[in-house]
Amino acid sequence: MIFIREIQYQLKQSKTAFDNAFQGVLPDPTTEIPSFLSGERLLQILAKLKKDTLYNAQKLVQELTSEGLTLASNRQRYLYGLQEIKLNNTE
């Protein structure tokens, strides 16, 4: 049972660190970097995040235009949709 709690704690710490990094918060210099998180793996994660975000933003634009809306006429809905994409991709 202790092992599961330790894993849950580490996952929570990792999620917090990623969330903070995504928001531009500088990491604590004493934070230990997991051994599995190599430079190459980090680039793979960032590439997937950006690709998914772009794909979802394109879907949002397609949905708006299929409803006959333009980004200029419905800017608020577009910005809200982008915020949802950002939140979903960070989870």
PDB file of N, CA and C in Angstrom:
ATOM      1  N   MET A   1       0.827  -1.194   0.000  1.00  0.00           N
ATOM      2  CA  MET A   1       0.000   0.000   0.000  1.00  0.00           C
ATOM      3  C   MET A   1       0.870   1.256   0.000  1.00  0.00           C
ATOM      4  N   ILE A   2       1.993   1.215   0.677  1.00  0.00           N
ATOM      5  CA  ILE A   2       2.889   2.379   0.721  1.00  0.00           C
ATOM      6  C   ILE A   2       3.410   2.683  -0.676  1.00  0.00           C
ATOM      7  N   PHE A   3       3.699   1.642  -1.458  1.00  0.00           N
ATOM      8  CA  PHE A   3       4.212   1.812  -2.818  1.00  0.00           C
ATOM      9  C   PHE A   3       3.207   2.581  -3.688  1.00  0.00           C
ATOM     10  N   ILE A   4       1.920   2.242  -3.576  1.00  0.00           N
ATOM     11  CA  ILE A   4       0.876   2.920  -4.357  1.00  0.00           C
ATOM     12  C   ILE A   4       0.783   4.385  -3.960  1.00  0.00           C
ATOM     13  N   ARG A   5       0.850   4.669  -2.685  1.00  0.00           N
ATOM     14  CA  ARG A   5       0.806   6.066  -2.227  1.00  0.00           C
ATOM     15  C   ARG A   5       1.996   6.854  -2.753  1.00  0.00           C
ATOM     16  N   GLU A   6       3.150   6.229  -2.768  1.00  0.00           N
ATOM     17  CA  GLU A   6       4.352   6.898  -3.276  1.00  0.00           C
ATOM     18  C   GLU A   6       4.210   7.217  -4.759  1.00  0.00           C
ATOM     19  N   ILE A   7       3.670   6.283  -5.518  1.00  0.00           N
ATOM     20  CA  ILE A   7       3.453   6.512  -6.953  1.00  0.00           C
ATOM     21  C   ILE A   7       2.430   7.629  -7.149  1.00  0.00           C
ATOM     22  N   GLN A   8       1.336   7.593  -6.391  1.00  0.00           N
ATOM     23  CA  GLN A   8       0.324   8.644  -6.502  1.00  0.00           C
ATOM     24  C   GLN A   8       0.916  10.005  -6.158  1.00  0.00           C
ATOM     25  N   TYR A   9       1.746  10.050  -5.131  1.00  0.00           N
ATOM     26  CA  TYR A   9       2.388  11.297  -4.737  1.00  0.00           C
ATOM     27  C   TYR A   9       3.301  11.810  -5.855  1.00  0.00           C
ATOM     28  N   GLN A  10       4.088  10.918  -6.430  1.00  0.00           N
ATOM     29  CA  GLN A  10       5.003  11.323  -7.499  1.00  0.00           C
ATOM     30  C   GLN A  10       4.235  11.774  -8.736  1.00  0.00           C
ATOM     31  N   LEU A  11       3.138  11.094  -9.065  1.00  0.00           N
ATOM     32  CA  LEU A  11       2.320  11.514 -10.203  1.00  0.00           C
ATOM     33  C   LEU A  11       1.724  12.904  -9.963  1.00  0.00           C
ATOM     34  N   LYS A  12       1.273  13.131  -8.749  1.00  0.00           N
ATOM     35  CA  LYS A  12       0.714  14.444  -8.410  1.00  0.00           C
ATOM     36  C   LYS A  12       1.794  15.526  -8.507  1.00  0.00           C
ATOM     37  N   GLN A  13       2.976  15.225  -8.013  1.00  0.00           N
ATOM     38  CA  GLN A  13       4.084  16.181  -8.086  1.00  0.00           C
ATOM     39  C   GLN A  13       4.451  16.471  -9.548  1.00  0.00           C
ATOM     40  N   SER A  14       4.488  15.433 -10.370  1.00  0.00           N
ATOM     41  CA  SER A  14       4.817  15.608 -11.784  1.00  0.00           C
ATOM     42  C   SER A  14       3.768  16.452 -12.486  1.00  0.00           C
ATOM     43  N   LYS A  15       2.484  16.188 -12.199  1.00  0.00           N
ATOM     44  CA  LYS A  15       1.409  16.968 -12.818  1.00  0.00           C
ATOM     45  C   LYS A  15       1.507  18.423 -12.401  1.00  0.00           C
ATOM     46  N   THR A  16       1.767  18.658 -11.139  1.00  0.00           N
ATOM     47  CA  THR A  16       1.914  20.042 -10.656  1.00  0.00           C
ATOM     48  C   THR A  16       3.080  20.730 -11.356  1.00  0.00           C
ATOM     49  N   ALA A  17       4.192  20.026 -11.502  1.00  0.00           N
ATOM     50  CA  ALA A  17       5.361  20.603 -12.168  1.00  0.00           C
ATOM     51  C   ALA A  17       5.058  20.915 -13.631  1.00  0.00           C
ATOM     52  N   PHE A  18       4.372  20.003 -14.328  1.00  0.00           N
ATOM     53  CA  PHE A  18       4.008  20.249 -15.723  1.00  0.00           C
ATOM     54  C   PHE A  18       3.032  21.419 -15.837  1.00  0.00           C
ATOM     55  N   ASP A  19       2.041  21.458 -14.944  1.00  0.00           N
ATOM     56  CA  ASP A  19       1.083  22.566 -14.961  1.00  0.00           C
ATOM     57  C   ASP A  19       1.786  23.898 -14.755  1.00  0.00           C
ATOM     58  N   ASN A  20       2.689  23.929 -13.781  1.00  0.00           N
ATOM     59  CA  ASN A  20       3.435  25.158 -13.514  1.00  0.00           C
ATOM     60  C   ASN A  20       4.300  25.551 -14.707  1.00  0.00           C
ATOM     61  N   ALA A  21       4.961  24.581 -15.311  1.00  0.00           N
ATOM     62  CA  ALA A  21       5.809  24.860 -16.477  1.00  0.00           C
ATOM     63  C   ALA A  21       4.971  25.387 -17.627  1.00  0.00           C
ATOM     64  N   PHE A  22       3.800  24.809 -17.818  1.00  0.00           N
ATOM     65  CA  PHE A  22       2.908  25.242 -18.893  1.00  0.00           C
ATOM     66  C   PHE A  22       2.465  26.687 -18.681  1.00  0.00           C
ATOM     67  N   GLN A  23       2.322  27.086 -17.420  1.00  0.00           N
ATOM     68  CA  GLN A  23       1.907  28.454 -17.103  1.00  0.00           C
ATOM     69  C   GLN A  23       3.088  29.410 -17.003  1.00  0.00           C
ATOM     70  N   GLY A  24       4.297  28.906 -17.214  1.00  0.00           N
ATOM     71  CA  GLY A  24       5.477  29.765 -17.217  1.00  0.00           C
ATOM     72  C   GLY A  24       6.132  29.959 -15.863  1.00  0.00           C
ATOM     73  N   VAL A  25       5.708  29.178 -14.883  1.00  0.00           N
ATOM     74  CA  VAL A  25       6.307  29.265 -13.550  1.00  0.00           C
ATOM     75  C   VAL A  25       7.635  28.516 -13.570  1.00  0.00           C
ATOM     76  N   LEU A  26       8.678  29.173 -13.131  1.00  0.00           N
ATOM     77  CA  LEU A  26       9.999  28.530 -13.112  1.00  0.00           C
ATOM     78  C   LEU A  26      10.030  27.423 -12.072  1.00  0.00           C
ATOM     79  N   PRO A  27      10.679  26.307 -12.388  1.00  0.00           N
ATOM     80  CA  PRO A  27      10.730  25.189 -11.435  1.00  0.00           C
ATOM     81  C   PRO A  27      11.676  25.488 -10.272  1.00  0.00           C
ATOM     82  N   ASP A  28      11.442  24.780  -9.203  1.00  0.00           N
ATOM     83  CA  ASP A  28      12.331  24.852  -8.051  1.00  0.00           C
ATOM     84  C   ASP A  28      13.642  24.179  -8.449  1.00  0.00           C
ATOM     85  N   PRO A  29      14.769  24.879  -8.303  1.00  0.00           N
ATOM     86  CA  PRO A  29      16.050  24.291  -8.730  1.00  0.00           C
ATOM     87  C   PRO A  29      16.430  23.017  -7.974  1.00  0.00           C
ATOM     88  N   THR A  30      15.795  22.754  -6.844  1.00  0.00           N
ATOM     89  CA  THR A  30      16.106  21.545  -6.081  1.00  0.00           C
ATOM     90  C   THR A  30      15.235  20.357  -6.487  1.00  0.00           C
ATOM     91  N   THR A  31      14.319  20.575  -7.438  1.00  0.00           N
ATOM     92  CA  THR A  31      13.432  19.500  -7.883  1.00  0.00           C
ATOM     93  C   THR A  31      14.231  18.415  -8.593  1.00  0.00           C
ATOM     94  N   GLU A  32      13.977  17.187  -8.187  1.00  0.00           N
ATOM     95  CA  GLU A  32      14.659  16.051  -8.813  1.00  0.00           C
ATOM     96  C   GLU A  32      13.957  15.695 -10.117  1.00  0.00           C
ATOM     97  N   ILE A  33      14.714  15.534 -11.183  1.00  0.00           N
ATOM     98  CA  ILE A  33      14.167  15.176 -12.486  1.00  0.00           C
ATOM     99  C   ILE A  33      14.161  13.655 -12.589  1.00  0.00           C
ATOM    100  N   PRO A  34      12.980  13.063 -12.896  1.00  0.00           N
ATOM    101  CA  PRO A  34      12.915  11.599 -13.000  1.00  0.00           C
ATOM    102  C   PRO A  34      13.849  11.077 -14.087  1.00  0.00           C
ATOM    103  N   SER A  35      14.392   9.915 -13.872  1.00  0.00           N
ATOM    104  CA  SER A  35      15.362   9.351 -14.819  1.00  0.00           C
ATOM    105  C   SER A  35      14.745   9.054 -16.189  1.00  0.00           C
ATOM    106  N   PHE A  36      13.432   8.763 -16.231  1.00  0.00           N
ATOM    107  CA  PHE A  36      12.792   8.458 -17.511  1.00  0.00           C
ATOM    108  C   PHE A  36      12.577   9.703 -18.363  1.00  0.00           C
ATOM    109  N   LEU A  37      12.709  10.882 -17.779  1.00  0.00           N
ATOM    110  CA  LEU A  37      12.434  12.126 -18.498  1.00  0.00           C
ATOM    111  C   LEU A  37      13.715  12.674 -19.114  1.00  0.00           C
ATOM    112  N   SER A  38      14.130  12.032 -20.180  1.00  0.00           N
ATOM    113  CA  SER A  38      15.326  12.469 -20.898  1.00  0.00           C
ATOM    114  C   SER A  38      14.968  13.688 -21.749  1.00  0.00           C
ATOM    115  N   GLY A  39      15.964  14.326 -22.284  1.00  0.00           N
ATOM    116  CA  GLY A  39      15.731  15.466 -23.160  1.00  0.00           C
ATOM    117  C   GLY A  39      14.904  15.068 -24.367  1.00  0.00           C
ATOM    118  N   GLU A  40      15.202  13.900 -24.927  1.00  0.00           N
ATOM    119  CA  GLU A  40      14.461  13.419 -26.097  1.00  0.00           C
ATOM    120  C   GLU A  40      13.004  13.151 -25.744  1.00  0.00           C
ATOM    121  N   ARG A  41      12.765  12.522 -24.602  1.00  0.00           N
ATOM    122  CA  ARG A  41      11.383  12.223 -24.179  1.00  0.00           C
ATOM    123  C   ARG A  41      10.610  13.517 -23.936  1.00  0.00           C
ATOM    124  N   LEU A  42      11.244  14.506 -23.334  1.00  0.00           N
ATOM    125  CA  LEU A  42      10.592  15.784 -23.091  1.00  0.00           C
ATOM    126  C   LEU A  42      10.189  16.439 -24.413  1.00  0.00           C
ATOM    127  N   LEU A  43      11.066  16.394 -25.409  1.00  0.00           N
ATOM    128  CA  LEU A  43      10.736  16.951 -26.719  1.00  0.00           C
ATOM    129  C   LEU A  43       9.575  16.199 -27.363  1.00  0.00           C
ATOM    130  N   GLN A  44       9.521  14.885 -27.174  1.00  0.00           N
ATOM    131  CA  GLN A  44       8.410  14.095 -27.708  1.00  0.00           C
ATOM    132  C   GLN A  44       7.090  14.522 -27.056  1.00  0.00           C
ATOM    133  N   ILE A  45       7.113  14.725 -25.756  1.00  0.00           N
ATOM    134  CA  ILE A  45       5.910  15.146 -25.033  1.00  0.00           C
ATOM    135  C   ILE A  45       5.458  16.522 -25.517  1.00  0.00           C
ATOM    136  N   LEU A  46       6.397  17.454 -25.634  1.00  0.00           N
ATOM    137  CA  LEU A  46       6.054  18.802 -26.086  1.00  0.00           C
ATOM    138  C   LEU A  46       5.527  18.795 -27.521  1.00  0.00           C
ATOM    139  N   ALA A  47       6.130  17.984 -28.384  1.00  0.00           N
ATOM    140  CA  ALA A  47       5.671  17.895 -29.777  1.00  0.00           C
ATOM    141  C   ALA A  47       4.248  17.352 -29.845  1.00  0.00           C
ATOM    142  N   LYS A  48       3.966  16.324 -29.054  1.00  0.00           N
ATOM    143  CA  LYS A  48       2.613  15.756 -29.038  1.00  0.00           C
ATOM    144  C   LYS A  48       1.621  16.777 -28.508  1.00  0.00           C
ATOM    145  N   LEU A  49       1.972  17.499 -27.464  1.00  0.00           N
ATOM    146  CA  LEU A  49       1.094  18.511 -26.901  1.00  0.00           C
ATOM    147  C   LEU A  49       0.764  19.591 -27.934  1.00  0.00           C
ATOM    148  N   LYS A  50       1.784  20.070 -28.631  1.00  0.00           N
ATOM    149  CA  LYS A  50       1.561  21.108 -29.637  1.00  0.00           C
ATOM    150  C   LYS A  50       0.735  20.579 -30.810  1.00  0.00           C
ATOM    151  N   LYS A  51       1.014  19.358 -31.248  1.00  0.00           N
ATOM    152  CA  LYS A  51       0.272  18.757 -32.354  1.00  0.00           C
ATOM    153  C   LYS A  51      -1.203  18.578 -31.979  1.00  0.00           C
ATOM    154  N   ASP A  52      -1.462  18.066 -30.772  1.00  0.00           N
ATOM    155  CA  ASP A  52      -2.837  17.886 -30.309  1.00  0.00           C
ATOM    156  C   ASP A  52      -3.561  19.223 -30.184  1.00  0.00           C
ATOM    157  N   THR A  53      -2.872  20.234 -29.675  1.00  0.00           N
ATOM    158  CA  THR A  53      -3.470  21.557 -29.526  1.00  0.00           C
ATOM    159  C   THR A  53      -3.832  22.136 -30.889  1.00  0.00           C
ATOM    160  N   LEU A  54      -2.942  22.026 -31.853  1.00  0.00           N
ATOM    161  CA  LEU A  54      -3.210  22.527 -33.196  1.00  0.00           C
ATOM    162  C   LEU A  54      -4.386  21.791 -33.822  1.00  0.00           C
ATOM    163  N   TYR A  55      -4.402  20.468 -33.692  1.00  0.00           N
ATOM    164  CA  TYR A  55      -5.495  19.669 -34.242  1.00  0.00           C
ATOM    165  C   TYR A  55      -6.835  20.106 -33.642  1.00  0.00           C
ATOM    166  N   ASN A  56      -6.884  20.265 -32.315  1.00  0.00           N
ATOM    167  CA  ASN A  56      -8.134  20.650 -31.656  1.00  0.00           C
ATOM    168  C   ASN A  56      -8.544  22.073 -32.003  1.00  0.00           C
ATOM    169  N   ALA A  57      -7.585  22.974 -32.190  1.00  0.00           N
ATOM    170  CA  ALA A  57      -7.902  24.339 -32.606  1.00  0.00           C
ATOM    171  C   ALA A  57      -8.470  24.334 -34.022  1.00  0.00           C
ATOM    172  N   GLN A  58      -7.912  23.507 -34.893  1.00  0.00           N
ATOM    173  CA  GLN A  58      -8.442  23.400 -36.259  1.00  0.00           C
ATOM    174  C   GLN A  58      -9.869  22.853 -36.248  1.00  0.00           C
ATOM    175  N   LYS A  59     -10.130  21.861 -35.390  1.00  0.00           N
ATOM    176  CA  LYS A  59     -11.485  21.318 -35.265  1.00  0.00           C
ATOM    177  C   LYS A  59     -12.456  22.400 -34.804  1.00  0.00           C
ATOM    178  N   LEU A  60     -12.033  23.225 -33.854  1.00  0.00           N
ATOM    179  CA  LEU A  60     -12.870  24.293 -33.344  1.00  0.00           C
ATOM    180  C   LEU A  60     -13.201  25.295 -34.447  1.00  0.00           C
ATOM    181  N   VAL A  61     -12.210  25.676 -35.240  1.00  0.00           N
ATOM    182  CA  VAL A  61     -12.438  26.610 -36.340  1.00  0.00           C
ATOM    183  C   VAL A  61     -13.402  25.992 -37.352  1.00  0.00           C
ATOM    184  N   GLN A  62     -13.232  24.710 -37.659  1.00  0.00           N
ATOM    185  CA  GLN A  62     -14.129  24.029 -38.594  1.00  0.00           C
ATOM    186  C   GLN A  62     -15.560  24.009 -38.068  1.00  0.00           C
ATOM    187  N   GLU A  63     -15.726  23.759 -36.773  1.00  0.00           N
ATOM    188  CA  GLU A  63     -17.068  23.751 -36.177  1.00  0.00           C
ATOM    189  C   GLU A  63     -17.718  25.125 -36.298  1.00  0.00           C
ATOM    190  N   LEU A  64     -16.965  26.162 -35.997  1.00  0.00           N
ATOM    191  CA  LEU A  64     -17.515  27.512 -36.071  1.00  0.00           C
ATOM    192  C   LEU A  64     -17.889  27.880 -37.507  1.00  0.00           C
ATOM    193  N   THR A  65     -17.008  27.559 -38.443  1.00  0.00           N
ATOM    194  CA  THR A  65     -17.293  27.916 -39.830  1.00  0.00           C
ATOM    195  C   THR A  65     -18.431  27.063 -40.399  1.00  0.00           C
ATOM    196  N   SER A  66     -18.574  25.821 -39.948  1.00  0.00           N
ATOM    197  CA  SER A  66     -19.691  24.992 -40.424  1.00  0.00           C
ATOM    198  C   SER A  66     -21.028  25.526 -39.917  1.00  0.00           C
ATOM    199  N   GLU A  67     -20.998  26.260 -38.817  1.00  0.00           N
ATOM    200  CA  GLU A  67     -22.211  26.893 -38.285  1.00  0.00           C
ATOM    201  C   GLU A  67     -22.438  28.266 -38.919  1.00  0.00           C
ATOM    202  N   GLY A  68     -21.572  28.612 -39.871  1.00  0.00           N
ATOM    203  CA  GLY A  68     -21.717  29.897 -40.551  1.00  0.00           C
ATOM    204  C   GLY A  68     -21.148  31.071 -39.779  1.00  0.00           C
ATOM    205  N   LEU A  69     -20.352  30.779 -38.802  1.00  0.00           N
ATOM    206  CA  LEU A  69     -19.763  31.840 -37.981  1.00  0.00           C
ATOM    207  C   LEU A  69     -18.337  32.116 -38.424  1.00  0.00           C
ATOM    208  N   THR A  70     -17.915  33.331 -38.269  1.00  0.00           N
ATOM    209  CA  THR A  70     -16.521  33.672 -38.512  1.00  0.00           C
ATOM    210  C   THR A  70     -15.858  33.924 -37.171  1.00  0.00           C
ATOM    211  N   LEU A  71     -14.557  33.871 -37.152  1.00  0.00           N
ATOM    212  CA  LEU A  71     -13.854  34.126 -35.891  1.00  0.00           C
ATOM    213  C   LEU A  71     -14.111  35.545 -35.411  1.00  0.00           C
ATOM    214  N   ALA A  72     -14.186  36.488 -36.351  1.00  0.00           N
ATOM    215  CA  ALA A  72     -14.411  37.882 -35.969  1.00  0.00           C
ATOM    216  C   ALA A  72     -15.802  38.077 -35.368  1.00  0.00           C
ATOM    217  N   SER A  73     -16.816  37.355 -35.908  1.00  0.00           N
ATOM    218  CA  SER A  73     -18.179  37.538 -35.412  1.00  0.00           C
ATOM    219  C   SER A  73     -18.432  36.797 -34.105  1.00  0.00           C
ATOM    220  N   ASN A  74     -17.598  35.832 -33.802  1.00  0.00           N
ATOM    221  CA  ASN A  74     -17.815  35.059 -32.580  1.00  0.00           C
ATOM    222  C   ASN A  74     -16.501  34.826 -31.852  1.00  0.00           C
ATOM    223  N   ARG A  75     -15.773  35.880 -31.666  1.00  0.00           N
ATOM    224  CA  ARG A  75     -14.442  35.819 -31.050  1.00  0.00           C
ATOM    225  C   ARG A  75     -14.486  35.227 -29.640  1.00  0.00           C
ATOM    226  N   GLN A  76     -15.508  35.603 -28.880  1.00  0.00           N
ATOM    227  CA  GLN A  76     -15.620  35.145 -27.489  1.00  0.00           C
ATOM    228  C   GLN A  76     -15.754  33.631 -27.430  1.00  0.00           C
ATOM    229  N   ARG A  77     -16.574  33.052 -28.289  1.00  0.00           N
ATOM    230  CA  ARG A  77     -16.766  31.600 -28.295  1.00  0.00           C
ATOM    231  C   ARG A  77     -15.478  30.894 -28.717  1.00  0.00           C
ATOM    232  N   TYR A  78     -14.764  31.484 -29.682  1.00  0.00           N
ATOM    233  CA  TYR A  78     -13.495  30.907 -30.134  1.00  0.00           C
ATOM    234  C   TYR A  78     -12.471  30.908 -29.009  1.00  0.00           C
ATOM    235  N   LEU A  79     -12.360  32.026 -28.308  1.00  0.00           N
ATOM    236  CA  LEU A  79     -11.398  32.111 -27.202  1.00  0.00           C
ATOM    237  C   LEU A  79     -11.759  31.142 -26.080  1.00  0.00           C
ATOM    238  N   TYR A  80     -13.041  30.992 -25.815  1.00  0.00           N
ATOM    239  CA  TYR A  80     -13.477  30.028 -24.803  1.00  0.00           C
ATOM    240  C   TYR A  80     -13.097  28.603 -25.236  1.00  0.00           C
ATOM    241  N   GLY A  81     -13.314  28.306 -26.515  1.00  0.00           N
ATOM    242  CA  GLY A  81     -12.958  26.986 -27.032  1.00  0.00           C
ATOM    243  C   GLY A  81     -11.471  26.720 -26.931  1.00  0.00           C
ATOM    244  N   LEU A  82     -10.651  27.733 -27.235  1.00  0.00           N
ATOM    245  CA  LEU A  82      -9.197  27.573 -27.104  1.00  0.00           C
ATOM    246  C   LEU A  82      -8.795  27.326 -25.653  1.00  0.00           C
ATOM    247  N   GLN A  83      -9.457  28.004 -24.727  1.00  0.00           N
ATOM    248  CA  GLN A  83      -9.161  27.794 -23.302  1.00  0.00           C
ATOM    249  C   GLN A  83      -9.484  26.365 -22.901  1.00  0.00           C
ATOM    250  N   GLU A  84     -10.610  25.827 -23.402  1.00  0.00           N
ATOM    251  CA  GLU A  84     -10.965  24.431 -23.108  1.00  0.00           C
ATOM    252  C   GLU A  84      -9.912  23.469 -23.669  1.00  0.00           C
ATOM    253  N   ILE A  85      -9.430  23.760 -24.890  1.00  0.00           N
ATOM    254  CA  ILE A  85      -8.398  22.921 -25.501  1.00  0.00           C
ATOM    255  C   ILE A  85      -7.146  22.925 -24.633  1.00  0.00           C
ATOM    256  N   LYS A  86      -6.756  24.104 -24.175  1.00  0.00           N
ATOM    257  CA  LYS A  86      -5.565  24.228 -23.337  1.00  0.00           C
ATOM    258  C   LYS A  86      -5.716  23.403 -22.061  1.00  0.00           C
ATOM    259  N   LEU A  87      -6.872  23.494 -21.417  1.00  0.00           N
ATOM    260  CA  LEU A  87      -7.099  22.751 -20.186  1.00  0.00           C
ATOM    261  C   LEU A  87      -7.132  21.247 -20.437  1.00  0.00           C
ATOM    262  N   ASN A  88      -7.786  20.831 -21.509  1.00  0.00           N
ATOM    263  CA  ASN A  88      -7.881  19.394 -21.809  1.00  0.00           C
ATOM    264  C   ASN A  88      -6.522  18.809 -22.146  1.00  0.00           C
ATOM    265  N   ASN A  89      -5.679  19.564 -22.818  1.00  0.00           N
ATOM    266  CA  ASN A  89      -4.373  19.039 -23.206  1.00  0.00           C
ATOM    267  C   ASN A  89      -3.405  18.959 -22.032  1.00  0.00           C
ATOM    268  N   THR A  90      -3.652  19.701 -20.982  1.00  0.00           N
ATOM    269  CA  THR A  90      -2.748  19.649 -19.839  1.00  0.00           C
ATOM    270  C   THR A  90      -3.106  18.536 -18.854  1.00  0.00           C
ATOM    271  N   GLU A  91      -4.254  17.920 -19.030  1.00  0.00           N
ATOM    272  CA  GLU A  91      -4.679  16.864 -18.107  1.00  0.00           C
ATOM    273  C   GLU A  91      -4.028  15.553 -18.385  1.00  0.00           C
TER     274      GLU A  91
END
